[in-house]
Amino acid sequence: MAIPLPRCLYTEKGASMSSPPCPSSSPAIPLSQEDLKKIAAHKAVDYVKSGMVIGLGTGSTAQHAVARIAELLNQGELTNIIGIPTSKQTLDQAVALGIPLSDLDDHPTVDVAIDGADEVDTELNLIKGRGGSLLREKMVEASAKKFIVIVDESKLVRGLGSSGHALPVEVVPFCAKNTARKLERLFDGCKAEIRVCRQRNGEPFVTDNANYIVNLFFEKGIGNLEAASERILGVEGVIEHGMFLGMATTVVVAGKSGVTFLDK
């Protein structure tokens, strides 16, 4: 069910979707993609309660959720929260905002994890990790009782891998080109590329775990996801892939007509 957005531009103080409309004399302000991300992130944080262990996601959408959690902590509306960051980037943000942190060694069970996604299919399967943090994201979010995914409507797809964007695969640096060739040969119409960092003169992008990322591009989508997962993980040198299958419990989708909650 979609919750209509307020006619005014969304603000943190006006986070409730039941906010009254702006006066008719005021023109409606179009919502940007960034506005939609923020709306979805704030609605996802409604799942967070005092005393919880929270998985803190990574990326341009998840950073809004992290900021909102910190805001509620500072206001005293949330207490005794422990965050488990899914990347060094998120760790730095959470430390700067004063969110108490820990890890899975000390808190192996996460109450709620909140993160964005690059693609969401009709079964709530996801592609994540185009920012390079897929391994830590999957470790934390697989440990969560609830995994809340926050996206804008542009991330919804009929089938994973059909958007023309990459499925990231984290691999060890040793003989990474050979690993990429093996991954490419697994699927018809697949192209594999080692992700590079433009800021470092085209050197391979290095993850928080000192690994490389191989991007897989599919002409017609991935197909059978479980079979594809098994084949990718069977390649020597592969650590993990960016398909998050059967993990999301709720997807919060912000669109220009409102916020929709998709539940398993």
C-alpha atoms as a PDB file:
ATOM      1  CA  MET A   1       0.000   0.000   0.000  1.00  0.00           C
ATOM      2  CA  ALA A   2       1.323   3.417  -0.920  1.00  0.00           C
ATOM      3  CA  ILE A   3       1.367   6.259   1.583  1.00  0.00           C
ATOM      4  CA  PRO A   4       0.929   9.594  -0.219  1.00  0.00           C
ATOM      5  CA  LEU A   5       3.770  12.049   0.091  1.00  0.00           C
ATOM      6  CA  PRO A   6       3.093  15.525   1.418  1.00  0.00           C
ATOM      7  CA  ARG A   7       2.729  18.189  -1.229  1.00  0.00           C
ATOM      8  CA  CYS A   8       5.548  20.193   0.360  1.00  0.00           C
ATOM      9  CA  LEU A   9       9.172  19.272  -0.037  1.00  0.00           C
ATOM     10  CA  TYR A  10       9.996  16.687   2.642  1.00  0.00           C
ATOM     11  CA  THR A  11      11.934  17.854   5.707  1.00  0.00           C
ATOM     12  CA  GLU A  12      13.110  15.979   8.768  1.00  0.00           C
ATOM     13  CA  LYS A  13      10.669  17.807  11.011  1.00  0.00           C
ATOM     14  CA  GLY A  14       7.880  16.873   8.638  1.00  0.00           C
ATOM     15  CA  ALA A  15       8.780  13.223   8.415  1.00  0.00           C
ATOM     16  CA  SER A  16       5.252  11.981   8.998  1.00  0.00           C
ATOM     17  CA  MET A  17       3.483  10.997   5.798  1.00  0.00           C
ATOM     18  CA  SER A  18       0.270  12.317   7.333  1.00  0.00           C
ATOM     19  CA  SER A  19       1.529  15.913   7.254  1.00  0.00           C
ATOM     20  CA  PRO A  20      -1.111  18.341   6.023  1.00  0.00           C
ATOM     21  CA  PRO A  21      -0.740  19.591   2.466  1.00  0.00           C
ATOM     22  CA  CYS A  22       0.787  22.958   1.725  1.00  0.00           C
ATOM     23  CA  PRO A  23      -1.621  25.786   1.110  1.00  0.00           C
ATOM     24  CA  SER A  24      -3.090  25.612  -2.371  1.00  0.00           C
ATOM     25  CA  SER A  25      -1.436  28.905  -3.220  1.00  0.00           C
ATOM     26  CA  SER A  26       2.015  27.345  -2.883  1.00  0.00           C
ATOM     27  CA  PRO A  27       3.267  25.473  -5.953  1.00  0.00           C
ATOM     28  CA  ALA A  28       4.272  21.843  -5.450  1.00  0.00           C
ATOM     29  CA  ILE A  29       8.034  21.339  -5.374  1.00  0.00           C
ATOM     30  CA  PRO A  30       9.146  18.286  -7.379  1.00  0.00           C
ATOM     31  CA  LEU A  31      10.875  15.632  -5.317  1.00  0.00           C
ATOM     32  CA  SER A  32      14.389  14.755  -6.454  1.00  0.00           C
ATOM     33  CA  GLN A  33      15.843  11.261  -6.311  1.00  0.00           C
ATOM     34  CA  GLU A  34      17.793  12.352  -3.234  1.00  0.00           C
ATOM     35  CA  ASP A  35      14.548  13.505  -1.576  1.00  0.00           C
ATOM     36  CA  LEU A  36      13.002  10.098  -2.260  1.00  0.00           C
ATOM     37  CA  LYS A  37      16.008   8.299  -0.781  1.00  0.00           C
ATOM     38  CA  LYS A  38      15.748  10.381   2.371  1.00  0.00           C
ATOM     39  CA  ILE A  39      12.023   9.718   2.726  1.00  0.00           C
ATOM     40  CA  ALA A  40      12.500   5.960   2.376  1.00  0.00           C
ATOM     41  CA  ALA A  41      15.402   6.001   4.836  1.00  0.00           C
ATOM     42  CA  HIS A  42      13.430   7.878   7.486  1.00  0.00           C
ATOM     43  CA  LYS A  43      10.477   5.489   7.173  1.00  0.00           C
ATOM     44  CA  ALA A  44      12.843   2.528   7.562  1.00  0.00           C
ATOM     45  CA  VAL A  45      14.222   3.956  10.802  1.00  0.00           C
ATOM     46  CA  ASP A  46      10.701   3.668  12.243  1.00  0.00           C
ATOM     47  CA  TYR A  47      11.533  -0.034  12.655  1.00  0.00           C
ATOM     48  CA  VAL A  48      14.337   0.822  15.079  1.00  0.00           C
ATOM     49  CA  LYS A  49      13.511   0.685  18.796  1.00  0.00           C
ATOM     50  CA  SER A  50      15.531   1.496  21.897  1.00  0.00           C
ATOM     51  CA  GLY A  51      17.862  -1.270  23.052  1.00  0.00           C
ATOM     52  CA  MET A  52      18.356  -2.756  19.574  1.00  0.00           C
ATOM     53  CA  VAL A  53      21.494  -3.835  17.773  1.00  0.00           C
ATOM     54  CA  ILE A  54      21.317  -2.192  14.346  1.00  0.00           C
ATOM     55  CA  GLY A  55      23.097  -3.082  11.141  1.00  0.00           C
ATOM     56  CA  LEU A  56      24.160   0.202   9.553  1.00  0.00           C
ATOM     57  CA  GLY A  57      24.221   0.001   5.779  1.00  0.00           C
ATOM     58  CA  THR A  58      26.495   1.688   3.280  1.00  0.00           C
ATOM     59  CA  GLY A  59      25.839   4.036   0.388  1.00  0.00           C
ATOM     60  CA  SER A  60      24.018   7.183  -0.624  1.00  0.00           C
ATOM     61  CA  THR A  61      20.638   5.955   0.634  1.00  0.00           C
ATOM     62  CA  ALA A  62      21.782   4.215   3.809  1.00  0.00           C
ATOM     63  CA  GLN A  63      23.681   7.300   4.969  1.00  0.00           C
ATOM     64  CA  HIS A  64      20.333   9.054   5.437  1.00  0.00           C
ATOM     65  CA  ALA A  65      19.194   6.256   7.762  1.00  0.00           C
ATOM     66  CA  VAL A  66      22.415   6.482   9.773  1.00  0.00           C
ATOM     67  CA  ALA A  67      21.976  10.235  10.112  1.00  0.00           C
ATOM     68  CA  ARG A  68      18.360   9.792  11.218  1.00  0.00           C
ATOM     69  CA  ILE A  69      19.305   7.239  13.880  1.00  0.00           C
ATOM     70  CA  ALA A  70      21.905   9.663  15.241  1.00  0.00           C
ATOM     71  CA  GLU A  71      19.344  12.452  15.262  1.00  0.00           C
ATOM     72  CA  LEU A  72      16.865  10.363  17.276  1.00  0.00           C
ATOM     73  CA  LEU A  73      19.621   9.373  19.701  1.00  0.00           C
ATOM     74  CA  ASN A  74      20.541  13.005  20.243  1.00  0.00           C
ATOM     75  CA  GLN A  75      16.884  13.871  20.818  1.00  0.00           C
ATOM     76  CA  GLY A  76      16.543  11.072  23.380  1.00  0.00           C
ATOM     77  CA  GLU A  77      13.869   9.299  21.345  1.00  0.00           C
ATOM     78  CA  LEU A  78      16.190   6.307  20.964  1.00  0.00           C
ATOM     79  CA  THR A  79      18.428   4.970  23.729  1.00  0.00           C
ATOM     80  CA  ASN A  80      20.864   2.081  24.225  1.00  0.00           C
ATOM     81  CA  ILE A  81      21.402   1.577  20.509  1.00  0.00           C
ATOM     82  CA  ILE A  82      24.413  -0.347  19.243  1.00  0.00           C
ATOM     83  CA  GLY A  83      25.333   0.015  15.581  1.00  0.00           C
ATOM     84  CA  ILE A  84      27.296  -2.463  13.501  1.00  0.00           C
ATOM     85  CA  PRO A  85      28.704  -0.703  10.426  1.00  0.00           C
ATOM     86  CA  THR A  86      29.005  -2.492   7.094  1.00  0.00           C
ATOM     87  CA  SER A  87      31.977  -0.480   5.797  1.00  0.00           C
ATOM     88  CA  LYS A  88      34.759   1.856   6.850  1.00  0.00           C
ATOM     89  CA  GLN A  89      32.774   4.681   5.261  1.00  0.00           C
ATOM     90  CA  THR A  90      29.771   3.985   7.481  1.00  0.00           C
ATOM     91  CA  LEU A  91      31.990   3.496  10.515  1.00  0.00           C
ATOM     92  CA  ASP A  92      33.471   6.960   9.972  1.00  0.00           C
ATOM     93  CA  GLN A  93      30.017   8.508   9.577  1.00  0.00           C
ATOM     94  CA  ALA A  94      28.643   6.782  12.688  1.00  0.00           C
ATOM     95  CA  VAL A  95      31.657   7.765  14.809  1.00  0.00           C
ATOM     96  CA  ALA A  96      31.333  11.380  13.693  1.00  0.00           C
ATOM     97  CA  LEU A  97      27.634  11.342  14.627  1.00  0.00           C
ATOM     98  CA  GLY A  98      28.217   9.725  18.027  1.00  0.00           C
ATOM     99  CA  ILE A  99      26.486   6.375  17.427  1.00  0.00           C
ATOM    100  CA  PRO A 100      27.839   3.640  19.771  1.00  0.00           C
ATOM    101  CA  LEU A 101      29.390   0.847  17.680  1.00  0.00           C
ATOM    102  CA  SER A 102      30.363  -2.780  17.982  1.00  0.00           C
ATOM    103  CA  ASP A 103      30.802  -5.781  15.660  1.00  0.00           C
ATOM    104  CA  LEU A 104      29.500  -9.293  15.044  1.00  0.00           C
ATOM    105  CA  ASP A 105      32.155 -10.812  17.287  1.00  0.00           C
ATOM    106  CA  ASP A 106      30.535  -9.191  20.319  1.00  0.00           C
ATOM    107  CA  HIS A 107      26.966  -8.986  18.967  1.00  0.00           C
ATOM    108  CA  PRO A 108      26.398 -11.914  16.587  1.00  0.00           C
ATOM    109  CA  THR A 109      22.648 -11.312  16.363  1.00  0.00           C
ATOM    110  CA  VAL A 110      21.405  -8.090  14.767  1.00  0.00           C
ATOM    111  CA  ASP A 111      17.843  -6.974  15.524  1.00  0.00           C
ATOM    112  CA  VAL A 112      17.356  -4.830  12.432  1.00  0.00           C
ATOM    113  CA  ALA A 113      19.636  -4.049   9.504  1.00  0.00           C
ATOM    114  CA  ILE A 114      18.873  -1.106   7.209  1.00  0.00           C
ATOM    115  CA  ASP A 115      20.544  -0.684   3.845  1.00  0.00           C
ATOM    116  CA  GLY A 116      19.953   0.392   0.280  1.00  0.00           C
ATOM    117  CA  ALA A 117      20.025  -1.772  -2.850  1.00  0.00           C
ATOM    118  CA  ASP A 118      21.035  -1.357  -6.480  1.00  0.00           C
ATOM    119  CA  GLU A 119      18.243  -3.585  -7.814  1.00  0.00           C
ATOM    120  CA  VAL A 120      15.140  -5.190  -6.293  1.00  0.00           C
ATOM    121  CA  ASP A 121      13.151  -7.833  -8.192  1.00  0.00           C
ATOM    122  CA  THR A 122       9.533  -8.908  -7.750  1.00  0.00           C
ATOM    123  CA  GLU A 123      10.527 -11.563  -5.180  1.00  0.00           C
ATOM    124  CA  LEU A 124      12.521  -9.019  -3.111  1.00  0.00           C
ATOM    125  CA  ASN A 125      15.836 -10.486  -4.201  1.00  0.00           C
ATOM    126  CA  LEU A 126      18.538  -7.841  -4.413  1.00  0.00           C
ATOM    127  CA  ILE A 127      21.714  -6.800  -6.137  1.00  0.00           C
ATOM    128  CA  LYS A 128      23.918  -4.829  -3.774  1.00  0.00           C
ATOM    129  CA  GLY A 129      27.537  -3.856  -3.506  1.00  0.00           C
ATOM    130  CA  ARG A 130      28.121  -1.603  -6.479  1.00  0.00           C
ATOM    131  CA  GLY A 131      29.773   0.685  -3.952  1.00  0.00           C
ATOM    132  CA  GLY A 132      32.222  -2.101  -3.111  1.00  0.00           C
ATOM    133  CA  SER A 133      31.030  -3.098   0.379  1.00  0.00           C
ATOM    134  CA  LEU A 134      29.080  -6.239  -0.471  1.00  0.00           C
ATOM    135  CA  LEU A 135      30.994  -8.704   1.723  1.00  0.00           C
ATOM    136  CA  ARG A 136      30.596  -6.833   5.004  1.00  0.00           C
ATOM    137  CA  GLU A 137      27.037  -5.889   4.069  1.00  0.00           C
ATOM    138  CA  LYS A 138      26.120  -9.524   3.503  1.00  0.00           C
ATOM    139  CA  MET A 139      27.809 -10.681   6.706  1.00  0.00           C
ATOM    140  CA  VAL A 140      25.915  -8.174   8.842  1.00  0.00           C
ATOM    141  CA  GLU A 141      22.573  -8.397   7.055  1.00  0.00           C
ATOM    142  CA  ALA A 142      22.578 -12.198   7.034  1.00  0.00           C
ATOM    143  CA  SER A 143      22.808 -11.973  10.838  1.00  0.00           C
ATOM    144  CA  ALA A 144      19.729  -9.736  11.119  1.00  0.00           C
ATOM    145  CA  LYS A 145      16.309 -10.808  12.357  1.00  0.00           C
ATOM    146  CA  LYS A 146      14.844  -8.130  10.068  1.00  0.00           C
ATOM    147  CA  PHE A 147      16.494  -6.668   6.999  1.00  0.00           C
ATOM    148  CA  ILE A 148      14.849  -3.434   5.846  1.00  0.00           C
ATOM    149  CA  VAL A 149      15.829  -2.307   2.366  1.00  0.00           C
ATOM    150  CA  ILE A 150      15.382   1.324   1.318  1.00  0.00           C
ATOM    151  CA  VAL A 151      15.178   2.347  -2.337  1.00  0.00           C
ATOM    152  CA  ASP A 152      13.592   4.812  -4.691  1.00  0.00           C
ATOM    153  CA  GLU A 153      11.343   3.405  -7.389  1.00  0.00           C
ATOM    154  CA  SER A 154      14.083   3.480 -10.052  1.00  0.00           C
ATOM    155  CA  LYS A 155      15.675   0.428  -8.381  1.00  0.00           C
ATOM    156  CA  LEU A 156      12.716  -1.893  -9.043  1.00  0.00           C
ATOM    157  CA  VAL A 157      13.372  -4.406 -11.853  1.00  0.00           C
ATOM    158  CA  ARG A 158      11.609  -7.432 -13.313  1.00  0.00           C
ATOM    159  CA  GLY A 159      14.710  -9.578 -13.110  1.00  0.00           C
ATOM    160  CA  LEU A 160      18.109  -9.084 -11.510  1.00  0.00           C
ATOM    161  CA  GLY A 161      20.867  -8.185 -13.930  1.00  0.00           C
ATOM    162  CA  SER A 162      18.461  -6.990 -16.616  1.00  0.00           C
ATOM    163  CA  SER A 163      19.108  -3.280 -16.091  1.00  0.00           C
ATOM    164  CA  GLY A 164      22.446  -3.277 -17.882  1.00  0.00           C
ATOM    165  CA  HIS A 165      24.279  -2.464 -14.670  1.00  0.00           C
ATOM    166  CA  ALA A 166      26.827  -4.704 -12.992  1.00  0.00           C
ATOM    167  CA  LEU A 167      26.595  -7.638 -10.618  1.00  0.00           C
ATOM    168  CA  PRO A 168      29.668  -7.128  -8.405  1.00  0.00           C
ATOM    169  CA  VAL A 169      31.730 -10.113  -7.314  1.00  0.00           C
ATOM    170  CA  GLU A 170      34.441  -9.770  -4.665  1.00  0.00           C
ATOM    171  CA  VAL A 171      37.585 -11.743  -5.510  1.00  0.00           C
ATOM    172  CA  VAL A 172      41.080 -12.163  -4.094  1.00  0.00           C
ATOM    173  CA  PRO A 173      43.690 -10.012  -5.884  1.00  0.00           C
ATOM    174  CA  PHE A 174      45.881 -13.004  -6.756  1.00  0.00           C
ATOM    175  CA  CYS A 175      45.406 -13.752 -10.473  1.00  0.00           C
ATOM    176  CA  ALA A 176      42.243 -11.649 -10.536  1.00  0.00           C
ATOM    177  CA  LYS A 177      42.273 -11.426 -14.341  1.00  0.00           C
ATOM    178  CA  ASN A 178      42.153 -15.212 -14.553  1.00  0.00           C
ATOM    179  CA  THR A 179      39.269 -15.283 -12.075  1.00  0.00           C
ATOM    180  CA  ALA A 180      37.428 -12.695 -14.173  1.00  0.00           C
ATOM    181  CA  ARG A 181      37.877 -14.828 -17.315  1.00  0.00           C
ATOM    182  CA  LYS A 182      36.462 -17.871 -15.526  1.00  0.00           C
ATOM    183  CA  LEU A 183      33.452 -15.870 -14.311  1.00  0.00           C
ATOM    184  CA  GLU A 184      32.802 -14.532 -17.808  1.00  0.00           C
ATOM    185  CA  ARG A 185      32.748 -18.056 -19.255  1.00  0.00           C
ATOM    186  CA  LEU A 186      30.052 -19.170 -16.801  1.00  0.00           C
ATOM    187  CA  PHE A 187      27.252 -17.356 -18.631  1.00  0.00           C
ATOM    188  CA  ASP A 188      26.335 -16.731 -22.264  1.00  0.00           C
ATOM    189  CA  GLY A 189      26.407 -13.047 -23.126  1.00  0.00           C
ATOM    190  CA  CYS A 190      28.335 -12.122 -19.981  1.00  0.00           C
ATOM    191  CA  LYS A 191      31.179  -9.617 -19.836  1.00  0.00           C
ATOM    192  CA  ALA A 192      33.518  -9.440 -16.834  1.00  0.00           C
ATOM    193  CA  GLU A 193      35.556  -6.371 -15.936  1.00  0.00           C
ATOM    194  CA  ILE A 194      37.821  -5.727 -12.964  1.00  0.00           C
ATOM    195  CA  ARG A 195      36.613  -2.510 -11.360  1.00  0.00           C
ATOM    196  CA  VAL A 196      39.180   0.258 -11.463  1.00  0.00           C
ATOM    197  CA  CYS A 197      39.620   3.421  -9.440  1.00  0.00           C
ATOM    198  CA  ARG A 198      39.805   6.511 -11.636  1.00  0.00           C
ATOM    199  CA  GLN A 199      41.395   8.503  -8.818  1.00  0.00           C
ATOM    200  CA  ARG A 200      44.320   6.076  -8.836  1.00  0.00           C
ATOM    201  CA  ASN A 201      45.173   6.137 -12.541  1.00  0.00           C
ATOM    202  CA  GLY A 202      43.057   3.112 -13.360  1.00  0.00           C
ATOM    203  CA  GLU A 203      44.452   0.857 -10.650  1.00  0.00           C
ATOM    204  CA  PRO A 204      42.039  -1.846  -9.409  1.00  0.00           C
ATOM    205  CA  PHE A 205      39.480  -0.702  -6.851  1.00  0.00           C
ATOM    206  CA  VAL A 206      40.349  -2.194  -3.447  1.00  0.00           C
ATOM    207  CA  THR A 207      37.609  -3.122  -0.985  1.00  0.00           C
ATOM    208  CA  ASP A 208      37.675  -2.635   2.788  1.00  0.00           C
ATOM    209  CA  ASN A 209      38.894  -6.240   2.972  1.00  0.00           C
ATOM    210  CA  ALA A 210      41.817  -5.573   0.561  1.00  0.00           C
ATOM    211  CA  ASN A 211      40.152  -7.508  -2.254  1.00  0.00           C
ATOM    212  CA  TYR A 212      39.167  -6.640  -5.840  1.00  0.00           C
ATOM    213  CA  ILE A 213      35.736  -6.373  -7.457  1.00  0.00           C
ATOM    214  CA  VAL A 214      34.857  -8.045 -10.761  1.00  0.00           C
ATOM    215  CA  ASN A 215      31.793  -6.504 -12.400  1.00  0.00           C
ATOM    216  CA  LEU A 216      29.635  -8.918 -14.390  1.00  0.00           C
ATOM    217  CA  PHE A 217      27.388  -7.494 -17.114  1.00  0.00           C
ATOM    218  CA  PHE A 218      24.571  -9.631 -18.551  1.00  0.00           C
ATOM    219  CA  GLU A 219      22.909  -9.138 -21.925  1.00  0.00           C
ATOM    220  CA  LYS A 220      19.592 -10.686 -20.873  1.00  0.00           C
ATOM    221  CA  GLY A 221      19.670 -10.828 -17.084  1.00  0.00           C
ATOM    222  CA  ILE A 222      21.049 -13.428 -14.731  1.00  0.00           C
ATOM    223  CA  GLY A 223      18.317 -16.056 -15.091  1.00  0.00           C
ATOM    224  CA  ASN A 224      18.086 -18.716 -12.391  1.00  0.00           C
ATOM    225  CA  LEU A 225      19.487 -16.844  -9.407  1.00  0.00           C
ATOM    226  CA  GLU A 226      20.199 -19.794  -7.125  1.00  0.00           C
ATOM    227  CA  ALA A 227      21.991 -21.660  -9.899  1.00  0.00           C
ATOM    228  CA  ALA A 228      23.978 -18.559 -10.817  1.00  0.00           C
ATOM    229  CA  SER A 229      24.958 -18.043  -7.187  1.00  0.00           C
ATOM    230  CA  GLU A 230      26.231 -21.596  -6.883  1.00  0.00           C
ATOM    231  CA  ARG A 231      28.231 -21.351 -10.107  1.00  0.00           C
ATOM    232  CA  ILE A 232      29.858 -18.033  -9.164  1.00  0.00           C
ATOM    233  CA  LEU A 233      30.796 -19.191  -5.673  1.00  0.00           C
ATOM    234  CA  GLY A 234      32.295 -22.338  -7.185  1.00  0.00           C
ATOM    235  CA  VAL A 235      35.013 -20.397  -8.981  1.00  0.00           C
ATOM    236  CA  GLU A 236      38.364 -20.454  -7.197  1.00  0.00           C
ATOM    237  CA  GLY A 237      39.303 -16.967  -6.044  1.00  0.00           C
ATOM    238  CA  VAL A 238      35.725 -15.788  -5.558  1.00  0.00           C
ATOM    239  CA  ILE A 239      34.885 -14.631  -2.044  1.00  0.00           C
ATOM    240  CA  GLU A 240      31.278 -13.427  -2.398  1.00  0.00           C
ATOM    241  CA  HIS A 241      28.831 -11.971  -4.914  1.00  0.00           C
ATOM    242  CA  GLY A 242      26.322  -9.136  -4.731  1.00  0.00           C
ATOM    243  CA  MET A 243      23.118 -11.172  -5.027  1.00  0.00           C
ATOM    244  CA  PHE A 244      21.218 -11.040  -1.737  1.00  0.00           C
ATOM    245  CA  LEU A 245      18.693 -13.822  -2.226  1.00  0.00           C
ATOM    246  CA  GLY A 246      15.764 -14.295   0.142  1.00  0.00           C
ATOM    247  CA  MET A 247      17.293 -11.957   2.728  1.00  0.00           C
ATOM    248  CA  ALA A 248      15.123  -8.834   2.634  1.00  0.00           C
ATOM    249  CA  THR A 249      12.107  -8.908   4.935  1.00  0.00           C
ATOM    250  CA  THR A 250      10.727  -5.486   3.937  1.00  0.00           C
ATOM    251  CA  VAL A 251      11.503  -3.112   1.078  1.00  0.00           C
ATOM    252  CA  VAL A 252      10.570   0.545   1.556  1.00  0.00           C
ATOM    253  CA  VAL A 253      10.064   2.153  -1.850  1.00  0.00           C
ATOM    254  CA  ALA A 254       9.758   5.923  -2.199  1.00  0.00           C
ATOM    255  CA  GLY A 255       8.168   7.112  -5.416  1.00  0.00           C
ATOM    256  CA  LYS A 256       6.661  10.339  -6.633  1.00  0.00           C
ATOM    257  CA  SER A 257       3.183   9.108  -5.669  1.00  0.00           C
ATOM    258  CA  GLY A 258       4.093   7.934  -2.163  1.00  0.00           C
ATOM    259  CA  VAL A 259       5.906   5.372  -0.043  1.00  0.00           C
ATOM    260  CA  THR A 260       5.173   1.684  -0.582  1.00  0.00           C
ATOM    261  CA  PHE A 261       6.079  -1.138   1.792  1.00  0.00           C
ATOM    262  CA  LEU A 262       6.813  -4.480   0.141  1.00  0.00           C
ATOM    263  CA  ASP A 263       6.836  -7.379   2.593  1.00  0.00           C
ATOM    264  CA  LYS A 264       7.828 -10.984   2.166  1.00  0.00           C
END
